Protein backbone atom coordinates (compact mmCIF):
# COMPACT_ATOMS: atom_id res chain seq x y z
CA MET A 1 -86.29 -31.66 -1.94
CA LEU A 2 -88.66 -28.94 -0.69
CA ASN A 3 -90.55 -29.27 2.58
CA ILE A 4 -92.80 -26.43 3.74
CA LYS A 5 -94.25 -26.66 7.25
CA ASN A 6 -97.03 -24.55 8.76
CA LEU A 7 -96.22 -21.41 6.78
CA HIS A 8 -97.90 -18.13 7.73
CA THR A 9 -97.35 -15.00 5.64
CA TYR A 10 -98.92 -11.58 6.10
CA TYR A 11 -99.23 -8.40 4.05
CA GLY A 12 -99.67 -5.91 6.86
CA ASN A 13 -102.78 -7.11 8.67
CA LEU A 14 -103.83 -9.40 5.82
CA HIS A 15 -103.21 -13.04 6.73
CA ALA A 16 -102.40 -14.39 3.25
CA LEU A 17 -101.05 -17.87 4.11
CA LYS A 18 -102.58 -19.68 7.07
CA GLY A 19 -100.46 -22.67 7.99
CA VAL A 20 -99.60 -24.01 4.53
CA SER A 21 -97.62 -27.26 4.39
CA LEU A 22 -96.50 -29.08 1.24
CA GLN A 23 -93.67 -31.21 -0.11
CA VAL A 24 -91.92 -31.48 -3.47
CA ASN A 25 -89.83 -34.58 -4.11
CA ALA A 26 -86.91 -34.70 -6.52
CA GLY A 27 -87.83 -35.43 -10.12
CA GLU A 28 -91.57 -34.77 -9.90
CA ILE A 29 -94.04 -32.12 -10.98
CA VAL A 30 -96.11 -30.84 -8.08
CA THR A 31 -98.91 -28.46 -8.98
CA LEU A 32 -100.74 -25.95 -6.80
CA ILE A 33 -104.16 -24.86 -8.00
CA GLY A 34 -106.63 -22.35 -6.65
CA ALA A 35 -108.60 -19.25 -7.51
CA ASN A 36 -107.21 -15.74 -7.77
CA GLY A 37 -106.35 -14.45 -4.32
CA ALA A 38 -106.12 -17.93 -2.80
CA GLY A 39 -102.45 -17.48 -1.87
CA LYS A 40 -100.62 -19.23 -4.70
CA SER A 41 -98.29 -16.38 -5.64
CA THR A 42 -97.78 -15.49 -1.98
CA LEU A 43 -96.46 -19.00 -1.43
CA VAL A 44 -94.10 -18.63 -4.38
CA ASN A 45 -92.89 -15.26 -3.11
CA SER A 46 -92.37 -16.72 0.36
CA ILE A 47 -90.25 -19.57 -1.00
CA CYS A 48 -88.15 -17.13 -3.02
CA SER A 49 -87.78 -14.62 -0.14
CA LEU A 50 -89.59 -11.90 -2.06
CA VAL A 51 -91.80 -11.69 1.02
CA ARG A 52 -90.86 -13.00 4.46
CA PRO A 53 -93.14 -15.46 6.27
CA GLN A 54 -93.85 -14.61 9.90
CA LYS A 55 -94.13 -18.23 11.02
CA GLY A 56 -93.26 -21.69 9.74
CA GLU A 57 -90.34 -23.37 8.00
CA ILE A 58 -89.13 -23.71 4.41
CA GLU A 59 -86.62 -26.54 4.11
CA PHE A 60 -84.71 -27.08 0.87
CA GLU A 61 -82.42 -30.09 0.59
CA GLY A 62 -82.23 -30.33 4.38
CA GLU A 63 -81.47 -26.63 4.97
CA TYR A 64 -83.88 -24.03 6.34
CA ILE A 65 -83.96 -21.13 3.90
CA GLN A 66 -86.85 -18.91 5.07
CA ASN A 67 -84.48 -16.23 6.41
CA LEU A 68 -82.10 -16.10 3.45
CA PRO A 69 -82.05 -13.15 1.02
CA ALA A 70 -83.55 -13.69 -2.41
CA GLU A 71 -80.21 -13.88 -4.23
CA GLU A 72 -79.10 -16.69 -1.89
CA ILE A 73 -82.23 -18.65 -2.75
CA VAL A 74 -81.11 -18.63 -6.39
CA ARG A 75 -77.63 -19.73 -5.40
CA LYS A 76 -79.09 -22.61 -3.41
CA GLY A 77 -80.72 -23.87 -6.61
CA ILE A 78 -84.25 -22.44 -6.82
CA ALA A 79 -85.27 -20.50 -9.95
CA LEU A 80 -88.57 -18.73 -10.54
CA VAL A 81 -90.42 -18.09 -13.78
CA PRO A 82 -92.68 -15.34 -12.41
CA GLU A 83 -96.29 -14.62 -13.22
CA GLY A 84 -96.45 -12.30 -16.21
CA ARG A 85 -92.97 -13.44 -17.32
CA GLN A 86 -91.24 -10.18 -16.25
CA ILE A 87 -88.50 -10.44 -18.86
CA PHE A 88 -86.34 -7.43 -19.76
CA PHE A 89 -88.22 -5.96 -22.73
CA THR A 90 -85.47 -3.53 -23.75
CA LEU A 91 -82.73 -6.18 -23.78
CA SER A 92 -82.14 -8.74 -26.49
CA VAL A 93 -83.19 -12.36 -26.09
CA GLU A 94 -79.53 -13.29 -25.71
CA ALA A 95 -78.98 -10.67 -23.00
CA ASN A 96 -82.05 -11.90 -21.10
CA LEU A 97 -80.59 -15.39 -21.00
CA GLU A 98 -77.24 -14.03 -19.87
CA MET A 99 -79.01 -12.28 -16.99
CA GLY A 100 -80.33 -15.64 -15.88
CA ALA A 101 -76.77 -16.91 -15.55
CA PHE A 102 -75.53 -14.09 -13.30
CA ILE A 103 -74.60 -16.50 -10.49
CA HIS A 104 -72.23 -18.23 -12.94
CA ARG A 105 -70.54 -15.04 -14.16
CA GLY A 106 -66.91 -15.67 -14.97
CA LYS A 107 -67.75 -19.09 -16.44
CA SER A 108 -68.12 -17.91 -20.02
CA ALA A 109 -67.69 -21.34 -21.63
CA GLN A 110 -70.42 -22.80 -19.41
CA ILE A 111 -72.76 -19.91 -20.14
CA ARG A 112 -72.23 -20.27 -23.90
CA ALA A 113 -72.89 -24.00 -23.70
CA ASP A 114 -76.05 -23.51 -21.63
CA MET A 115 -77.30 -20.84 -24.03
CA ALA A 116 -76.71 -23.19 -26.95
CA GLN A 117 -78.87 -25.77 -25.14
CA MET A 118 -81.65 -23.21 -24.68
CA PHE A 119 -81.52 -22.33 -28.38
CA GLU A 120 -81.65 -26.03 -29.24
CA ARG A 121 -84.73 -26.42 -27.03
CA PHE A 122 -86.36 -23.27 -28.44
CA PRO A 123 -85.14 -22.81 -32.05
CA ILE A 124 -87.36 -19.74 -32.51
CA LEU A 125 -85.30 -17.96 -29.84
CA LYS A 126 -82.09 -18.68 -31.72
CA GLU A 127 -83.60 -17.01 -34.79
CA ARG A 128 -84.48 -13.99 -32.65
CA ALA A 129 -81.42 -13.97 -30.38
CA ARG A 130 -80.50 -10.36 -31.24
CA LYS A 131 -84.09 -9.08 -31.24
CA LEU A 132 -85.43 -7.05 -28.33
CA ALA A 133 -87.40 -9.39 -26.06
CA GLY A 134 -90.28 -6.91 -25.97
CA THR A 135 -90.93 -7.43 -29.69
CA LEU A 136 -91.63 -11.17 -29.28
CA SER A 137 -95.05 -12.80 -29.03
CA GLY A 138 -96.42 -13.80 -25.64
CA GLY A 139 -95.52 -17.45 -26.14
CA GLN A 140 -92.00 -16.59 -27.24
CA GLN A 141 -91.59 -14.33 -24.23
CA GLN A 142 -92.62 -17.23 -21.99
CA MET A 143 -89.93 -19.33 -23.65
CA VAL A 144 -87.43 -16.57 -22.84
CA ALA A 145 -88.58 -16.53 -19.22
CA ILE A 146 -88.24 -20.31 -18.89
CA SER A 147 -84.83 -20.28 -20.60
CA ARG A 148 -83.63 -17.44 -18.39
CA ALA A 149 -84.55 -19.43 -15.28
CA LEU A 150 -82.87 -22.58 -16.60
CA MET A 151 -79.65 -20.65 -17.24
CA SER A 152 -79.06 -20.61 -13.47
CA ARG A 153 -78.97 -24.45 -13.55
CA PRO A 154 -81.68 -24.79 -10.88
CA LYS A 155 -82.42 -27.90 -8.85
CA LEU A 156 -86.02 -26.71 -8.40
CA LEU A 157 -87.86 -24.77 -11.11
CA ILE A 158 -90.93 -22.81 -9.99
CA LEU A 159 -93.39 -21.81 -12.71
CA ASP A 160 -96.00 -19.24 -11.65
CA GLU A 161 -98.98 -19.19 -14.03
CA PRO A 162 -97.00 -20.09 -17.20
CA SER A 163 -100.16 -20.31 -19.35
CA LEU A 164 -101.53 -16.89 -18.36
CA GLY A 165 -102.62 -14.82 -21.35
CA LEU A 166 -101.51 -17.33 -23.97
CA ALA A 167 -103.44 -18.80 -26.90
CA PRO A 168 -104.65 -22.42 -26.55
CA LEU A 169 -102.12 -23.86 -28.99
CA VAL A 170 -99.28 -22.02 -27.24
CA ILE A 171 -100.51 -23.32 -23.87
CA GLN A 172 -100.31 -26.87 -25.21
CA GLU A 173 -96.71 -26.24 -26.26
CA ILE A 174 -95.76 -24.76 -22.88
CA PHE A 175 -97.18 -27.79 -21.05
CA ARG A 176 -95.37 -30.10 -23.46
CA ILE A 177 -92.15 -28.31 -22.57
CA ILE A 178 -92.89 -28.71 -18.85
CA GLU A 179 -93.38 -32.45 -19.32
CA GLU A 180 -90.17 -32.61 -21.32
CA LEU A 181 -88.28 -30.93 -18.49
CA ARG A 182 -89.64 -33.49 -16.04
CA SER A 183 -88.54 -36.33 -18.33
CA GLU A 184 -85.02 -34.88 -18.15
CA GLY A 185 -85.09 -35.21 -14.37
CA ARG A 186 -86.07 -31.63 -13.51
CA THR A 187 -88.04 -30.96 -10.34
CA ILE A 188 -90.92 -28.55 -10.89
CA LEU A 189 -93.40 -26.69 -8.69
CA LEU A 190 -96.18 -25.54 -11.00
CA ILE A 191 -98.60 -22.79 -9.94
CA GLU A 192 -101.51 -22.74 -12.35
CA GLN A 193 -105.13 -21.64 -12.72
CA ASN A 194 -105.62 -24.07 -15.61
CA ALA A 195 -106.41 -26.93 -13.25
CA ARG A 196 -107.18 -29.52 -15.91
CA ALA A 197 -103.91 -29.08 -17.81
CA ALA A 198 -101.81 -28.77 -14.65
CA LEU A 199 -103.21 -31.84 -12.90
CA HIS A 200 -103.00 -33.87 -16.10
CA ILE A 201 -99.18 -33.66 -16.06
CA ALA A 202 -98.63 -33.52 -12.28
CA ASN A 203 -97.32 -36.34 -10.13
CA ARG A 204 -99.05 -34.75 -7.16
CA GLY A 205 -101.12 -31.69 -6.48
CA TYR A 206 -102.47 -29.37 -3.82
CA VAL A 207 -105.60 -27.23 -3.78
CA ILE A 208 -105.34 -23.94 -1.89
CA GLU A 209 -108.31 -21.81 -0.81
CA THR A 210 -108.14 -18.57 1.22
CA GLY A 211 -104.55 -19.25 2.26
CA LYS A 212 -105.05 -22.87 3.32
CA VAL A 213 -104.35 -26.21 1.64
CA VAL A 214 -107.71 -27.96 1.55
CA LEU A 215 -106.95 -31.00 -0.64
CA GLU A 216 -103.86 -32.91 -1.68
CA GLY A 217 -103.20 -36.09 -3.61
CA GLY A 218 -102.00 -37.58 -6.87
CA GLY A 219 -102.62 -35.54 -10.00
CA ALA A 220 -105.01 -38.09 -11.49
CA GLU A 221 -106.90 -38.49 -8.21
CA LEU A 222 -107.41 -34.75 -7.87
CA LEU A 223 -108.44 -34.47 -11.51
CA ASP A 224 -111.20 -37.03 -10.90
CA HIS A 225 -112.18 -35.74 -7.45
CA HIS A 226 -115.75 -34.43 -7.43
CA GLU A 227 -114.91 -31.35 -5.33
CA VAL A 228 -112.13 -30.33 -7.73
CA GLN A 229 -114.38 -30.97 -10.73
CA ARG A 230 -117.14 -28.80 -9.31
CA ALA A 231 -114.91 -25.98 -8.06
CA TYR A 232 -112.26 -25.81 -10.81
CA LEU A 233 -113.37 -27.77 -13.86
CA GLY A 234 -116.69 -26.06 -14.60
CA LYS A 235 -119.07 -28.56 -13.01
CA GLY A 236 -120.65 -26.34 -10.38
CA LYS A 237 -119.48 -24.76 -7.15
CA ALA A 238 -118.13 -26.42 -4.03
CA THR A 239 -116.05 -25.70 -0.97
CA CYS A 240 -113.43 -28.34 -0.24
CA GLU A 241 -113.05 -29.63 3.29
CA PRO A 242 -109.43 -30.18 4.43
CA ARG A 243 -108.40 -33.79 3.90
CA ARG A 244 -105.75 -35.93 2.27
CA LEU A 245 -106.50 -38.16 -0.69
CA LEU A 246 -103.26 -40.19 -0.69
């Protein structure tokens, strides 16, 4: 579904992505792990045309999309749940979800049906549908952000640090929801600092360091890999050498 080849992205003179390549197949969870500043969010922003890569290709369902404007990326079927959620605090929960369906405006029956599905998935949001989104807890706000993205009916859902700032029990619930979405046939690119939780549910994963992919393989293989354990799972410090596990 998504095929990224030799992507280079800069912020001024800062070379943030240095030849990143990765693939996401339909119906799987692919996770990208790495430390702060490694380039994870830059990759997300490059896919979504929030920043423009200077070199490389982003192919989505056989079409090169790296030069399309951000709104076209959404129309093509890619939805982002951004880091920090970035919901509309001064709008109601219901209005936030309606904003997620802007590409389907004019299809009121479809939007109502999709919103009913979101409220069925997240009953707490139905109870708070008329509440201002800014009054919700962090976990509930993350549910709003996920629901808002799903309202666009995406083919690929990108989740950027969905567990950030949440309590452990809420994190467990968010990851359960992600697995549930995969079981429904959703395709997910998961960007996450919580390497253990992310790799546990991933079909495949990539490790990014200083703008480069240094390891890739199945989620279970990466979870058990000694370099990943030392660098990301609290068992010491290591620098991964570029290589492919699978």
